[in-house]
Amino acid sequence: MPLLKNIFVNTTANKLRLADIYFEDEFKEIKYISDEVDWSNIDTKEKLDSFTQKFSLTTNNSEIINGNFLLAIPGAIDP
C-alpha cells in the first residue's frame, strides 16, 4: 500500500502532528508518529530541523513518498 511519510497534519488551532498516511484510491489510515507540536515551535528552519532530526526516511521503496516534513492541506491532496 502506498505511503506518504513524514507529513504534518493540522490537529487543532495552531497544533500539528507528524504523520504517515497510507492510501490507495483514498486515505486508508493516518498513523501519527509524533505528539502535537505548536506551530511556534517549528516556525523557523532551525526549529524545524531540530524537531525533525529524530525522524528520517532511508528507503528506496517505490511505494513510499517522502513528505519532507511539509504540511498536508485538506483539499490540496484530493484527486
C-alpha atoms as a PDB file:
ATOM      1  CA  MET A   1       0.000   0.000   0.000  1.00  0.00           C
ATOM      2  CA  PRO A   2       1.466   3.411  -0.923  1.00  0.00           C
ATOM      3  CA  LEU A   3       2.633   5.580   1.958  1.00  0.00           C
ATOM      4  CA  LEU A   4       3.061   9.342   2.267  1.00  0.00           C
ATOM      5  CA  LYS A   5       5.686   9.605   5.020  1.00  0.00           C
ATOM      6  CA  ASN A   6       6.774  12.483   7.267  1.00  0.00           C
ATOM      7  CA  ILE A   7       3.920  14.901   6.631  1.00  0.00           C
ATOM      8  CA  PHE A   8       2.458  17.403   9.096  1.00  0.00           C
ATOM      9  CA  VAL A   9      -1.294  17.242   9.711  1.00  0.00           C
ATOM     10  CA  ASN A  10      -3.199  20.028  11.462  1.00  0.00           C
ATOM     11  CA  THR A  11      -4.952  18.741  14.577  1.00  0.00           C
ATOM     12  CA  THR A  12      -6.389  21.824  16.332  1.00  0.00           C
ATOM     13  CA  ALA A  13      -5.834  25.579  16.034  1.00  0.00           C
ATOM     14  CA  ASN A  14      -2.065  26.029  15.611  1.00  0.00           C
ATOM     15  CA  LYS A  15      -1.166  22.463  16.581  1.00  0.00           C
ATOM     16  CA  LEU A  16       0.385  19.951  14.205  1.00  0.00           C
ATOM     17  CA  ARG A  17       1.345  16.279  14.346  1.00  0.00           C
ATOM     18  CA  LEU A  18       3.789  14.448  12.164  1.00  0.00           C
ATOM     19  CA  ALA A  19       2.092  11.534  10.424  1.00  0.00           C
ATOM     20  CA  ASP A  20       2.386   8.769   7.880  1.00  0.00           C
ATOM     21  CA  ILE A  21      -0.617   8.485   5.562  1.00  0.00           C
ATOM     22  CA  TYR A  22      -1.440   5.137   3.952  1.00  0.00           C
ATOM     23  CA  PHE A  23      -3.592   5.365   0.848  1.00  0.00           C
ATOM     24  CA  GLU A  24      -4.780   3.643  -2.291  1.00  0.00           C
ATOM     25  CA  ASP A  25      -7.581   5.416  -4.153  1.00  0.00           C
ATOM     26  CA  GLU A  26      -8.430   7.132  -0.866  1.00  0.00           C
ATOM     27  CA  PHE A  27      -6.846   7.521   2.559  1.00  0.00           C
ATOM     28  CA  LYS A  28      -6.816   4.222   4.420  1.00  0.00           C
ATOM     29  CA  GLU A  29      -5.015   5.164   7.633  1.00  0.00           C
ATOM     30  CA  ILE A  30      -3.277   8.112   9.243  1.00  0.00           C
ATOM     31  CA  LYS A  31      -0.609   6.923  11.664  1.00  0.00           C
ATOM     32  CA  TYR A  32       0.698   9.676  13.928  1.00  0.00           C
ATOM     33  CA  ILE A  33       4.426   9.454  14.614  1.00  0.00           C
ATOM     34  CA  SER A  34       4.804  12.440  16.942  1.00  0.00           C
ATOM     35  CA  ASP A  35       2.978  14.222  19.708  1.00  0.00           C
ATOM     36  CA  GLU A  36       1.263  17.513  18.964  1.00  0.00           C
ATOM     37  CA  VAL A  37       3.619  20.403  18.380  1.00  0.00           C
ATOM     38  CA  ASP A  38       2.684  24.059  18.433  1.00  0.00           C
ATOM     39  CA  TRP A  39       3.348  25.906  15.170  1.00  0.00           C
ATOM     40  CA  SER A  40       5.550  28.415  17.030  1.00  0.00           C
ATOM     41  CA  ASN A  41       7.894  25.553  17.996  1.00  0.00           C
ATOM     42  CA  ILE A  42       8.707  24.794  14.342  1.00  0.00           C
ATOM     43  CA  ASP A  43       8.174  28.152  12.616  1.00  0.00           C
ATOM     44  CA  THR A  44      11.812  28.668  11.606  1.00  0.00           C
ATOM     45  CA  LYS A  45      14.133  26.413   9.641  1.00  0.00           C
ATOM     46  CA  GLU A  46      16.329  25.953  12.708  1.00  0.00           C
ATOM     47  CA  LYS A  47      13.409  24.934  14.937  1.00  0.00           C
ATOM     48  CA  LEU A  48      12.004  22.614  12.263  1.00  0.00           C
ATOM     49  CA  ASP A  49      15.405  20.976  11.719  1.00  0.00           C
ATOM     50  CA  SER A  50      15.779  20.458  15.463  1.00  0.00           C
ATOM     51  CA  PHE A  51      12.328  18.842  15.707  1.00  0.00           C
ATOM     52  CA  THR A  52      12.680  16.623  12.625  1.00  0.00           C
ATOM     53  CA  GLN A  53      16.231  15.390  13.216  1.00  0.00           C
ATOM     54  CA  LYS A  54      14.918  12.311  15.035  1.00  0.00           C
ATOM     55  CA  PHE A  55      12.761  11.333  12.040  1.00  0.00           C
ATOM     56  CA  SER A  56      14.214  10.179   8.748  1.00  0.00           C
ATOM     57  CA  LEU A  57      13.451   8.385   5.534  1.00  0.00           C
ATOM     58  CA  THR A  58      16.061   5.914   4.433  1.00  0.00           C
ATOM     59  CA  THR A  59      14.438   3.618   1.918  1.00  0.00           C
ATOM     60  CA  ASN A  60      14.344   3.047  -1.793  1.00  0.00           C
ATOM     61  CA  ASN A  61      10.840   1.575  -1.690  1.00  0.00           C
ATOM     62  CA  SER A  62       8.889   2.996  -4.642  1.00  0.00           C
ATOM     63  CA  GLU A  63       5.625   2.875  -2.647  1.00  0.00           C
ATOM     64  CA  ILE A  64       6.948   5.386  -0.078  1.00  0.00           C
ATOM     65  CA  ILE A  65       6.655   9.084  -0.882  1.00  0.00           C
ATOM     66  CA  ASN A  66       8.738  11.348   1.337  1.00  0.00           C
ATOM     67  CA  GLY A  67       6.591  14.260   2.510  1.00  0.00           C
ATOM     68  CA  ASN A  68       9.742  16.175   3.524  1.00  0.00           C
ATOM     69  CA  PHE A  69       8.034  17.468   6.681  1.00  0.00           C
ATOM     70  CA  LEU A  70       5.596  19.606   4.683  1.00  0.00           C
ATOM     71  CA  LEU A  71       2.040  20.439   5.743  1.00  0.00           C
ATOM     72  CA  ALA A  72      -0.823  18.423   4.253  1.00  0.00           C
ATOM     73  CA  ILE A  73      -3.642  20.837   3.463  1.00  0.00           C
ATOM     74  CA  PRO A  74      -7.156  19.329   3.272  1.00  0.00           C
ATOM     75  CA  GLY A  75      -8.447  19.535  -0.273  1.00  0.00           C
ATOM     76  CA  ALA A  76      -4.978  20.096  -1.712  1.00  0.00           C
ATOM     77  CA  ILE A  77      -4.308  16.376  -1.843  1.00  0.00           C
ATOM     78  CA  ASP A  78      -7.689  15.258  -3.183  1.00  0.00           C
ATOM     79  CA  PRO A  79      -7.723  13.827  -6.724  1.00  0.00           C
END
